[in-house]
């Protein structure tokens, strides 16, 4: 039944927790403990998401990802993030299951009225997330942001939450064959390189990749049917679908393609899409259980179709690529600055923002409360080298937060969207100047008047181990030599930078070689 998170269990509003290690004992992707990442690609096996715009990992169903197409739609699609192969134990036991990575499993169709808000001038679904439902029942929900507004004329925007159905229908069916005819763009490139797609050699059928819908385990489900099943099971929930309607602060028209939801479903955040160097606003919703209580009070104990909530501006972020210290500002490609997707670590450890040049992780300090407004004071970490990042509009953490997936829209293709997997590949190794243990730490403060007055220097463990604890004079001489050498290196580096700048200035003033001297 619906529950008021303000009462009952103390952890109802908790959005911060500690988790274990990730895949193979590795740290979480993008965390400060991770020293390198590995990536690989695969494709979804369906043409039902030709321009996928959002991505979210199910918190209820194992190995399930949810997505939806960009723009006007009422459907969310579930597909497998990994291949599933289990063997049943015979009569009365769990049946055998088999499904291939990327295989579509379920299409949930919401009622048309979610897109018929009279105060909203358009419909543009942009992002999807998963978290607990907003009613405090601790059920798992799928959250959708209907907040696209690239013409800045829509009026109200919306965030939709729907209770996630449990997926139990996947079984081995001997009468159905898995479709293997997929000419994905990668395979087309290989066929071209092998000369298999030249004129007279089947070139016409290679110009555009094929993407056939794999229906081996696919089912459709109408929300009304699923809601009826829930009622018949006497679960006792009053609602399973919520539409939160709002305007941005100051009645301003804003465009947002990035949604993040607190793991406990208590509130959500929207990140402004802004193709400018100045940065983007972050908007936070009111506490949603309070919003629902107020709406019931206004409507005689029942919820209206469109629940009015308020948004507040809680932070202003530099473009992630600039805040991370990359050279994106010199590339003069403003659209690369845009925030196109977001997801919250399922244990509240971090928020990852997606951009057209890959994801950036904002990791919160351990032991401090989960606070999205504090993101403006965090230097994010790019998961991939900025120069090799590729555009995407969807990002998702795995159920435990150890992995990230991203997916581009790829609207130029017929489906079978590409999914990029990002895992942590190794622990972060301590630098050569870091002590091996706390007992070997030697910290030296700069002398007064030094340009590095507040910087703390740490000697290497080899040097520290070689020092005679009883000979303070020798110790101070070695440390002083280390500091002098480091300062000399910094001075040389500054001189080299000045030389490079002079060369660039001279080159910029040189005459055009095509003009007469």
Protein backbone atom coordinates (compact mmCIF):
# COMPACT_ATOMS: atom_id res chain seq x y z
CA UNK A 1 0.00 0.00 0.00
CA UNK A 2 0.98 3.61 -0.37
CA UNK A 3 3.07 4.88 2.50
CA UNK A 4 4.10 8.28 3.71
CA UNK A 5 7.92 8.35 3.72
CA UNK A 6 7.69 10.89 6.53
CA UNK A 7 6.52 8.11 8.81
CA UNK A 8 7.67 4.60 9.55
CA UNK A 9 11.17 3.46 8.68
CA UNK A 10 14.00 5.87 9.29
CA UNK A 11 15.71 5.10 5.99
CA UNK A 12 12.72 5.94 3.78
CA UNK A 13 14.40 9.07 2.45
CA UNK A 14 17.93 7.67 2.51
CA UNK A 15 19.66 8.15 -0.85
CA UNK A 16 23.22 7.44 0.23
CA UNK A 17 24.71 4.04 0.98
CA UNK A 18 27.92 2.10 0.83
CA UNK A 19 28.33 -0.68 -1.66
CA UNK A 20 30.75 -3.49 -2.38
CA UNK A 21 33.21 -4.01 -5.18
CA UNK A 22 32.23 -4.13 -8.83
CA UNK A 23 32.87 -6.67 -11.57
CA UNK A 24 35.73 -9.03 -10.76
CA UNK A 25 36.50 -7.10 -7.58
CA UNK A 26 37.18 -3.94 -9.54
CA UNK A 27 36.07 -0.50 -8.27
CA UNK A 28 33.00 1.17 -9.76
CA UNK A 29 33.43 2.70 -13.20
CA UNK A 30 34.48 6.36 -12.98
CA UNK A 31 35.25 6.20 -9.25
CA UNK A 32 38.41 7.66 -7.69
CA UNK A 33 39.63 4.11 -7.05
CA UNK A 34 39.51 3.14 -10.72
CA UNK A 35 42.75 3.56 -12.64
CA UNK A 36 41.57 2.71 -16.16
CA UNK A 37 38.56 1.60 -18.15
CA UNK A 38 37.74 -0.97 -20.78
CA UNK A 39 34.96 -0.59 -23.36
CA UNK A 40 33.24 -2.82 -25.88
CA UNK A 41 30.13 -2.61 -28.08
CA UNK A 42 27.09 -4.67 -28.91
CA UNK A 43 23.72 -3.93 -30.54
CA UNK A 44 20.10 -4.36 -29.57
CA UNK A 45 18.27 -6.88 -31.74
CA UNK A 46 15.23 -4.89 -32.72
CA UNK A 47 14.02 -2.14 -35.03
CA UNK A 48 11.48 -0.91 -32.45
CA UNK A 49 13.92 1.70 -31.09
CA UNK A 50 15.19 3.39 -34.24
CA UNK A 51 16.02 6.62 -32.41
CA UNK A 52 16.53 5.56 -28.81
CA UNK A 53 16.88 8.58 -26.54
CA UNK A 54 17.03 7.21 -22.98
CA UNK A 55 18.55 4.23 -21.20
CA UNK A 56 18.06 2.81 -17.69
CA UNK A 57 18.91 -0.44 -15.92
CA UNK A 58 16.04 -2.24 -14.23
CA UNK A 59 16.22 -2.33 -10.43
CA UNK A 60 13.61 -5.11 -10.38
CA UNK A 61 14.47 -7.46 -13.24
CA UNK A 62 17.97 -8.82 -13.58
CA UNK A 63 19.86 -8.18 -16.86
CA UNK A 64 17.16 -5.85 -18.22
CA UNK A 65 17.64 -2.38 -19.74
CA UNK A 66 14.77 0.01 -20.53
CA UNK A 67 14.71 2.53 -23.38
CA UNK A 68 12.29 4.61 -25.45
CA UNK A 69 12.37 6.48 -28.73
CA UNK A 70 12.89 10.22 -28.94
CA UNK A 71 9.84 12.48 -29.33
CA UNK A 72 6.18 11.46 -29.20
CA UNK A 73 5.61 7.98 -27.86
CA UNK A 74 3.78 6.09 -25.13
CA UNK A 75 5.97 2.96 -25.18
CA UNK A 76 9.00 1.85 -23.18
CA UNK A 77 11.02 -1.15 -24.34
CA UNK A 78 12.88 -3.72 -22.22
CA UNK A 79 15.81 -5.68 -23.69
CA UNK A 80 18.54 -7.96 -22.38
CA UNK A 81 21.86 -6.46 -21.28
CA UNK A 82 23.50 -9.91 -21.19
CA UNK A 83 22.84 -13.34 -22.63
CA UNK A 84 20.68 -15.49 -20.35
CA UNK A 85 20.96 -19.29 -20.38
CA UNK A 86 19.53 -21.35 -17.52
CA UNK A 87 18.49 -25.00 -17.44
CA UNK A 88 15.37 -26.00 -15.52
CA UNK A 89 15.47 -28.84 -13.04
CA UNK A 90 12.51 -30.79 -14.31
CA UNK A 91 8.83 -30.97 -13.47
CA UNK A 92 7.62 -28.29 -11.09
CA UNK A 93 10.89 -26.37 -11.05
CA UNK A 94 11.98 -23.15 -12.73
CA UNK A 95 11.69 -23.53 -16.55
CA UNK A 96 14.71 -23.30 -18.83
CA UNK A 97 15.46 -19.79 -20.12
CA UNK A 98 17.49 -18.57 -23.05
CA UNK A 99 17.88 -15.11 -24.50
CA UNK A 100 20.61 -13.32 -26.40
CA UNK A 101 22.22 -10.05 -25.39
CA UNK A 102 20.27 -7.19 -26.95
CA UNK A 103 17.11 -9.26 -27.45
CA UNK A 104 13.86 -7.30 -26.89
CA UNK A 105 11.75 -8.77 -24.09
CA UNK A 106 8.80 -6.52 -23.31
CA UNK A 107 7.08 -3.41 -24.65
CA UNK A 108 5.01 -1.57 -22.03
CA UNK A 109 2.45 0.78 -23.57
CA UNK A 110 1.20 3.62 -21.35
CA UNK A 111 -2.28 5.17 -21.82
CA UNK A 112 -2.57 8.02 -24.31
CA UNK A 113 -3.71 10.49 -21.65
CA UNK A 114 -0.16 10.80 -20.25
CA UNK A 115 0.62 12.85 -23.39
CA UNK A 116 -2.61 14.88 -23.42
CA UNK A 117 -1.92 17.44 -20.71
CA UNK A 118 -3.92 20.52 -21.84
CA UNK A 119 -1.27 22.84 -20.36
CA UNK A 120 1.51 21.33 -22.44
CA UNK A 121 1.88 22.38 -26.06
CA UNK A 122 3.98 19.43 -27.19
CA UNK A 123 5.30 15.96 -26.30
CA UNK A 124 9.00 15.12 -26.43
CA UNK A 125 10.23 12.18 -24.36
CA UNK A 126 13.96 12.62 -23.76
CA UNK A 127 15.31 10.47 -20.91
CA UNK A 128 14.46 7.50 -18.73
CA UNK A 129 15.55 6.39 -15.26
CA UNK A 130 14.74 3.76 -12.65
CA UNK A 131 14.25 4.27 -8.93
CA UNK A 132 11.66 3.59 -6.25
CA UNK A 133 8.14 4.88 -6.86
CA UNK A 134 7.18 8.32 -5.50
CA UNK A 135 4.42 7.04 -3.20
CA UNK A 136 6.78 5.57 -0.61
CA UNK A 137 5.65 1.99 -1.30
CA UNK A 138 9.26 0.99 -2.13
CA UNK A 139 8.12 -0.55 -5.38
CA UNK A 140 10.45 -0.02 -8.33
CA UNK A 141 9.38 2.51 -10.96
CA UNK A 142 10.35 3.55 -14.48
CA UNK A 143 10.73 7.34 -14.71
CA UNK A 144 10.43 9.25 -18.01
CA UNK A 145 11.16 12.91 -18.69
CA UNK A 146 8.83 14.55 -21.19
CA UNK A 147 10.89 17.73 -21.15
CA UNK A 148 12.22 18.25 -24.70
CA UNK A 149 11.67 21.84 -25.81
CA UNK A 150 14.12 22.80 -28.57
CA UNK A 151 11.70 25.46 -29.88
CA UNK A 152 11.11 26.90 -26.38
CA UNK A 153 7.33 27.08 -26.76
CA UNK A 154 5.77 24.07 -25.01
CA UNK A 155 4.33 25.46 -21.76
CA UNK A 156 4.23 22.76 -19.08
CA UNK A 157 6.80 19.97 -18.98
CA UNK A 158 6.28 16.57 -17.35
CA UNK A 159 8.00 13.72 -15.57
CA UNK A 160 6.18 10.39 -15.64
CA UNK A 161 6.62 7.54 -13.15
CA UNK A 162 5.13 4.07 -13.70
CA UNK A 163 5.53 1.00 -11.51
CA UNK A 164 7.81 -1.50 -13.23
CA UNK A 165 6.28 -4.86 -14.16
CA UNK A 166 8.10 -8.04 -13.24
CA UNK A 167 9.30 -9.93 -16.33
CA UNK A 168 8.74 -13.67 -15.95
CA UNK A 169 7.68 -14.89 -19.38
CA UNK A 170 11.11 -15.61 -20.90
CA UNK A 171 11.39 -19.35 -21.62
CA UNK A 172 13.01 -21.67 -24.12
CA UNK A 173 10.60 -22.29 -27.01
CA UNK A 174 11.78 -25.07 -29.30
CA UNK A 175 9.32 -24.02 -32.02
CA UNK A 176 10.85 -20.56 -32.43
CA UNK A 177 14.12 -19.88 -34.15
CA UNK A 178 16.41 -16.99 -33.29
CA UNK A 179 16.95 -14.62 -36.19
CA UNK A 180 20.64 -14.31 -37.09
CA UNK A 181 20.32 -12.09 -40.20
CA UNK A 182 21.65 -8.79 -38.88
CA UNK A 183 23.72 -6.64 -41.22
CA UNK A 184 24.66 -4.02 -38.67
CA UNK A 185 26.67 -0.95 -39.75
CA UNK A 186 29.87 -2.57 -38.45
CA UNK A 187 29.25 -5.67 -40.57
CA UNK A 188 28.48 -3.50 -43.62
CA UNK A 189 31.88 -1.85 -43.22
CA UNK A 190 33.57 -5.25 -43.10
CA UNK A 191 31.70 -6.41 -46.21
CA UNK A 192 32.74 -3.26 -48.06
CA UNK A 193 36.38 -3.82 -47.09
CA UNK A 194 36.15 -7.39 -48.39
CA UNK A 195 34.70 -6.19 -51.70
CA UNK A 196 31.40 -7.96 -51.06
CA UNK A 197 29.25 -4.85 -51.49
CA UNK A 198 30.61 -3.56 -54.79
CA UNK A 199 28.33 -3.08 -57.86
CA UNK A 200 27.28 -6.40 -59.27
CA UNK A 201 28.05 -8.20 -56.01
CA UNK A 202 24.91 -7.50 -54.01
CA UNK A 203 25.85 -3.87 -53.43
CA UNK A 204 22.25 -2.65 -53.25
CA UNK A 205 21.42 -4.79 -50.26
CA UNK A 206 24.60 -3.68 -48.48
CA UNK A 207 24.09 0.07 -48.75
CA UNK A 208 21.79 0.07 -45.76
CA UNK A 209 22.07 -2.34 -42.90
CA UNK A 210 19.29 -4.74 -42.06
CA UNK A 211 17.78 -4.82 -38.61
CA UNK A 212 15.11 -7.43 -38.06
CA UNK A 213 13.07 -7.56 -34.88
CA UNK A 214 13.94 -10.65 -32.84
CA UNK A 215 10.64 -11.80 -31.31
CA UNK A 216 11.96 -14.99 -29.71
CA UNK A 217 11.04 -13.76 -26.22
CA UNK A 218 9.10 -10.61 -27.08
CA UNK A 219 5.72 -9.68 -25.60
CA UNK A 220 3.56 -6.54 -25.54
CA UNK A 221 1.80 -5.30 -22.43
CA UNK A 222 -0.78 -2.54 -22.09
CA UNK A 223 -0.58 -0.58 -18.85
CA UNK A 224 -4.32 -1.06 -18.24
CA UNK A 225 -3.90 -4.84 -18.48
CA UNK A 226 -0.95 -4.87 -16.12
CA UNK A 227 -2.77 -2.58 -13.64
CA UNK A 228 -5.74 -4.95 -13.71
CA UNK A 229 -3.44 -7.87 -12.97
CA UNK A 230 -2.05 -6.00 -9.98
CA UNK A 231 -5.55 -5.31 -8.66
CA UNK A 232 -6.58 -8.95 -9.15
CA UNK A 233 -3.54 -9.99 -7.14
CA UNK A 234 -4.90 -7.82 -4.29
CA UNK A 235 -1.65 -5.96 -3.85
CA UNK A 236 -3.56 -3.00 -2.41
CA UNK A 237 -1.76 -0.16 -4.16
CA UNK A 238 -3.84 2.93 -4.87
CA UNK A 239 -1.86 4.11 -7.90
CA UNK A 240 0.78 2.73 -10.24
CA UNK A 241 1.14 5.68 -12.63
CA UNK A 242 1.94 9.31 -11.84
CA UNK A 243 2.40 12.35 -14.11
CA UNK A 244 4.11 15.34 -12.49
CA UNK A 245 3.46 18.60 -14.34
CA UNK A 246 5.48 21.79 -13.83
CA UNK A 247 7.01 24.94 -15.21
CA UNK A 248 10.64 25.87 -14.77
CA UNK A 249 11.43 28.61 -12.22
CA UNK A 250 10.46 32.10 -13.37
CA UNK A 251 7.97 30.64 -15.89
CA UNK A 252 10.92 30.33 -18.28
CA UNK A 253 10.93 27.97 -21.25
CA UNK A 254 13.78 25.50 -20.85
CA UNK A 255 15.01 22.49 -22.81
CA UNK A 256 16.16 19.45 -20.83
CA UNK A 257 17.24 16.02 -22.04
CA UNK A 258 18.74 14.71 -18.80
CA UNK A 259 16.76 13.24 -15.88
CA UNK A 260 18.14 11.92 -12.58
CA UNK A 261 15.97 10.46 -9.80
CA UNK A 262 16.85 9.89 -6.15
CA UNK A 263 17.19 6.13 -5.55
CA UNK A 264 14.32 6.30 -3.03
CA UNK A 265 12.03 8.16 -5.48
CA UNK A 266 11.70 11.14 -3.17
CA UNK A 267 12.58 13.75 -5.83
CA UNK A 268 14.04 14.20 -9.29
CA UNK A 269 16.49 16.55 -11.01
CA UNK A 270 16.57 17.98 -14.52
CA UNK A 271 19.73 19.28 -16.20
CA UNK A 272 19.37 22.09 -18.71
CA UNK A 273 20.54 21.44 -22.26
CA UNK A 274 22.54 24.49 -23.26
CA UNK A 275 24.87 24.64 -26.25
CA UNK A 276 26.97 27.45 -24.81
CA UNK A 277 30.19 27.75 -22.83
CA UNK A 278 28.38 29.51 -19.97
CA UNK A 279 27.06 26.26 -18.49
CA UNK A 280 23.70 24.84 -17.44
CA UNK A 281 21.20 25.09 -14.59
CA UNK A 282 20.22 22.14 -12.41
CA UNK A 283 16.59 22.00 -11.25
CA UNK A 284 15.29 19.99 -8.30
CA UNK A 285 11.70 18.97 -7.68
CA UNK A 286 9.78 19.42 -4.47
CA UNK A 287 9.55 16.39 -2.17
CA UNK A 288 7.21 14.21 -4.20
CA UNK A 289 5.38 12.46 -1.37
CA UNK A 290 4.42 15.92 -0.07
CA UNK A 291 3.33 16.89 -3.59
CA UNK A 292 1.11 13.80 -3.77
CA UNK A 293 -0.39 14.51 -0.34
CA UNK A 294 -1.28 18.08 -1.33
CA UNK A 295 -2.88 16.91 -4.56
CA UNK A 296 -5.02 14.34 -2.72
CA UNK A 297 -6.14 17.01 -0.29
CA UNK A 298 -7.24 19.23 -3.18
CA UNK A 299 -9.11 16.40 -4.92
CA UNK A 300 -11.05 14.81 -2.09
CA UNK A 301 -8.55 12.07 -1.33
CA UNK A 302 -7.84 11.06 -4.94
CA UNK A 303 -5.01 12.06 -7.24
CA UNK A 304 -5.66 14.13 -10.33
CA UNK A 305 -4.24 12.94 -13.63
CA UNK A 306 -1.58 15.65 -13.74
CA UNK A 307 -0.03 16.32 -10.33
CA UNK A 308 1.34 19.83 -10.00
CA UNK A 309 4.83 20.14 -8.50
CA UNK A 310 7.44 22.87 -8.15
CA UNK A 311 11.01 23.04 -9.41
CA UNK A 312 13.86 24.96 -7.79
CA UNK A 313 17.20 25.99 -9.26
CA UNK A 314 19.81 24.37 -6.99
CA UNK A 315 23.07 24.54 -8.96
CA UNK A 316 24.78 25.98 -11.99
CA UNK A 317 27.31 23.71 -13.69
CA UNK A 318 30.17 24.52 -15.99
CA UNK A 319 30.07 22.35 -19.11
CA UNK A 320 31.35 18.96 -17.88
CA UNK A 321 34.20 18.88 -20.40
CA UNK A 322 35.46 22.27 -19.14
CA UNK A 323 35.02 21.42 -15.45
CA UNK A 324 37.03 18.24 -16.09
CA UNK A 325 39.94 20.26 -17.51
CA UNK A 326 39.79 19.02 -21.11
CA UNK A 327 40.55 21.18 -24.15
CA UNK A 328 36.97 21.22 -25.41
CA UNK A 329 36.71 25.02 -25.25
CA UNK A 330 39.39 25.30 -27.98
CA UNK A 331 37.50 23.09 -30.42
CA UNK A 332 34.79 25.67 -31.14
CA UNK A 333 32.08 23.01 -31.27
CA UNK A 334 29.53 24.35 -28.83
CA UNK A 335 27.14 21.42 -29.16
CA UNK A 336 29.76 19.23 -27.50
CA UNK A 337 29.08 21.11 -24.26
CA UNK A 338 25.46 19.93 -24.08
CA UNK A 339 24.25 17.67 -21.27
CA UNK A 340 22.20 15.00 -23.04
CA UNK A 341 21.61 12.40 -20.33
CA UNK A 342 22.07 11.68 -16.63
CA UNK A 343 21.89 8.89 -14.08
CA UNK A 344 22.38 8.58 -10.33
CA UNK A 345 24.54 5.79 -8.93
CA UNK A 346 22.05 3.32 -7.36
CA UNK A 347 23.76 3.76 -3.97
CA UNK A 348 23.92 7.54 -4.29
CA UNK A 349 27.71 7.60 -4.66
CA UNK A 350 27.82 9.73 -7.81
CA UNK A 351 25.93 11.35 -10.67
CA UNK A 352 27.08 10.74 -14.24
CA UNK A 353 26.27 13.30 -16.94
CA UNK A 354 26.26 12.27 -20.59
CA UNK A 355 27.51 14.63 -23.32
CA UNK A 356 28.20 14.38 -27.03
CA UNK A 357 31.81 13.54 -26.10
CA UNK A 358 31.13 10.84 -23.58
CA UNK A 359 30.15 10.58 -19.88
CA UNK A 360 31.57 12.54 -16.94
CA UNK A 361 31.34 11.22 -13.36
CA UNK A 362 30.66 13.57 -10.43
CA UNK A 363 31.63 11.50 -7.39
CA UNK A 364 30.44 12.63 -3.96
CA UNK A 365 32.80 12.59 -1.01
CA UNK A 366 32.35 9.47 1.06
CA UNK A 367 30.60 10.03 4.36
CA UNK A 368 28.83 13.19 3.27
CA UNK A 369 25.09 13.45 2.43
CA UNK A 370 23.89 12.94 -1.09
CA UNK A 371 23.50 16.48 -2.44
CA UNK A 372 23.12 17.23 -6.14
CA UNK A 373 23.53 20.95 -5.49
CA UNK A 374 27.11 20.20 -4.48
CA UNK A 375 27.97 19.02 -8.00
CA UNK A 376 29.02 22.55 -8.91
CA UNK A 377 31.97 22.19 -6.51
CA UNK A 378 33.11 18.80 -7.86
CA UNK A 379 35.65 18.31 -10.66
CA UNK A 380 34.17 15.51 -12.79
CA UNK A 381 36.18 12.68 -14.31
CA UNK A 382 35.75 11.71 -17.97
CA UNK A 383 35.30 7.95 -18.31
CA UNK A 384 36.84 7.98 -21.79
CA UNK A 385 39.63 10.18 -23.19
CA UNK A 386 37.92 13.32 -24.41
CA UNK A 387 39.44 13.11 -27.90
CA UNK A 388 38.07 9.59 -28.43
CA UNK A 389 34.61 10.10 -26.93
CA UNK A 390 31.67 9.67 -29.27
CA UNK A 391 28.25 11.22 -29.20
CA UNK A 392 25.42 9.73 -27.23
CA UNK A 393 22.19 10.86 -25.63
CA UNK A 394 21.66 8.08 -23.10
CA UNK A 395 23.61 6.86 -20.07
CA UNK A 396 22.80 4.26 -17.41
CA UNK A 397 24.39 2.70 -14.36
CA UNK A 398 24.03 -1.03 -13.80
CA UNK A 399 21.93 -2.32 -10.90
CA UNK A 400 24.93 -2.27 -8.53
CA UNK A 401 26.61 0.79 -10.05
CA UNK A 402 29.82 -0.94 -11.14
CA UNK A 403 29.18 -0.50 -14.90
CA UNK A 404 27.96 2.20 -17.30
CA UNK A 405 26.16 1.80 -20.62
CA UNK A 406 25.69 4.55 -23.18
CA UNK A 407 23.66 4.56 -26.41
CA UNK A 408 23.42 7.09 -29.27
CA UNK A 409 20.20 7.96 -31.09
CA UNK A 410 21.54 6.86 -34.51
CA UNK A 411 18.38 7.98 -36.30
CA UNK A 412 20.07 7.50 -39.68
CA UNK A 413 19.79 3.72 -39.31
CA UNK A 414 16.91 1.27 -39.29
CA UNK A 415 17.33 0.19 -35.70
CA UNK A 416 19.70 -2.22 -33.91
CA UNK A 417 21.16 0.67 -31.94
CA UNK A 418 24.74 0.44 -30.72
CA UNK A 419 25.36 0.06 -26.96
CA UNK A 420 28.77 0.87 -25.47
CA UNK A 421 29.73 -0.90 -22.24
CA UNK A 422 32.19 0.78 -19.84
CA UNK A 423 33.83 -1.17 -17.00
CA UNK A 424 36.69 -0.42 -14.65
CA UNK A 425 39.73 -2.43 -15.80
CA UNK A 426 42.22 -1.84 -13.00
CA UNK A 427 42.72 -0.32 -9.59
CA UNK A 428 44.23 3.13 -9.43
CA UNK A 429 47.93 2.75 -8.76
CA UNK A 430 49.57 5.18 -6.33
CA UNK A 431 51.93 7.65 -8.00
CA UNK A 432 55.66 7.25 -7.42
CA UNK A 433 55.56 10.25 -5.07
CA UNK A 434 52.89 8.74 -2.83
CA UNK A 435 53.82 6.90 0.38
CA UNK A 436 53.28 3.17 0.59
CA UNK A 437 51.71 3.49 4.01
CA UNK A 438 50.70 6.11 6.53
CA UNK A 439 53.80 5.38 8.64
CA UNK A 440 56.10 6.44 5.79
CA UNK A 441 54.45 9.76 5.03
CA UNK A 442 56.71 12.79 5.07
CA UNK A 443 54.81 16.01 4.47
CA UNK A 444 56.60 19.31 3.94
CA UNK A 445 55.00 22.74 3.83
CA UNK A 446 56.45 25.40 1.53
CA UNK A 447 58.39 28.20 3.20
CA UNK A 448 56.78 31.60 3.67
CA UNK A 449 56.82 33.62 0.46
CA UNK A 450 56.89 30.55 -1.75
CA UNK A 451 54.42 30.64 -4.63
CA UNK A 452 53.24 27.20 -3.54
CA UNK A 453 52.58 28.35 0.02
CA UNK A 454 49.65 26.04 0.67
CA UNK A 455 50.82 23.00 -1.24
CA UNK A 456 51.76 19.85 0.69
CA UNK A 457 54.61 17.78 -0.76
CA UNK A 458 55.08 14.09 -0.04
CA UNK A 459 58.39 12.30 -0.47
CA UNK A 460 58.57 8.85 -2.09
CA UNK A 461 58.65 5.79 0.17
CA UNK A 462 62.14 4.86 -1.11
CA UNK A 463 63.57 8.19 0.03
CA UNK A 464 61.75 8.07 3.33
CA UNK A 465 62.93 4.53 4.03
CA UNK A 466 66.55 5.53 3.40
CA UNK A 467 66.49 8.40 5.91
CA UNK A 468 68.15 8.01 9.26
CA UNK A 469 65.48 8.83 11.83
CA UNK A 470 68.18 10.03 14.22
CA UNK A 471 69.87 12.35 11.72
CA UNK A 472 67.46 15.28 11.30
CA UNK A 473 70.05 17.44 9.52
CA UNK A 474 70.61 14.91 6.76
CA UNK A 475 66.86 14.43 6.44
CA UNK A 476 66.18 18.12 5.98
CA UNK A 477 68.96 18.43 3.37
CA UNK A 478 67.49 15.65 1.23
CA UNK A 479 64.01 17.07 1.44
CA UNK A 480 65.30 20.55 0.58
CA UNK A 481 67.07 19.13 -2.50
CA UNK A 482 63.82 17.46 -3.59
CA UNK A 483 61.94 20.74 -3.28
CA UNK A 484 64.64 22.66 -5.19
CA UNK A 485 64.64 20.15 -8.05
CA UNK A 486 60.86 20.23 -8.31
CA UNK A 487 60.82 24.04 -8.38
CA UNK A 488 63.51 24.10 -11.09
CA UNK A 489 61.43 21.71 -13.20
CA UNK A 490 58.36 23.93 -12.77
CA UNK A 491 60.35 27.01 -13.80
CA UNK A 492 61.66 25.26 -16.93
CA UNK A 493 58.14 24.14 -17.77
CA UNK A 494 56.89 27.74 -17.52
CA UNK A 495 59.73 28.94 -19.79
CA UNK A 496 58.85 26.28 -22.36
CA UNK A 497 55.22 27.34 -22.29
CA UNK A 498 56.30 30.97 -22.90
CA UNK A 499 58.40 29.87 -25.89
CA UNK A 500 55.48 27.92 -27.36
CA UNK A 501 53.19 30.93 -26.91
CA UNK A 502 55.71 33.20 -28.69
CA UNK A 503 55.97 30.78 -31.62
CA UNK A 504 52.18 30.68 -31.93
CA UNK A 505 52.01 34.51 -31.83
CA UNK A 506 54.65 34.80 -34.57
CA UNK A 507 52.86 32.19 -36.69
CA UNK A 508 49.53 34.04 -36.34
CA UNK A 509 51.15 37.27 -37.61
CA UNK A 510 52.89 35.69 -40.60
CA UNK A 511 51.62 36.83 -44.05
CA UNK A 512 49.40 34.59 -46.13
CA UNK A 513 51.72 32.51 -48.37
CA UNK A 514 49.31 32.95 -51.29
CA UNK A 515 49.63 36.75 -51.12
CA UNK A 516 52.63 38.63 -52.56
CA UNK A 517 55.23 39.63 -49.98
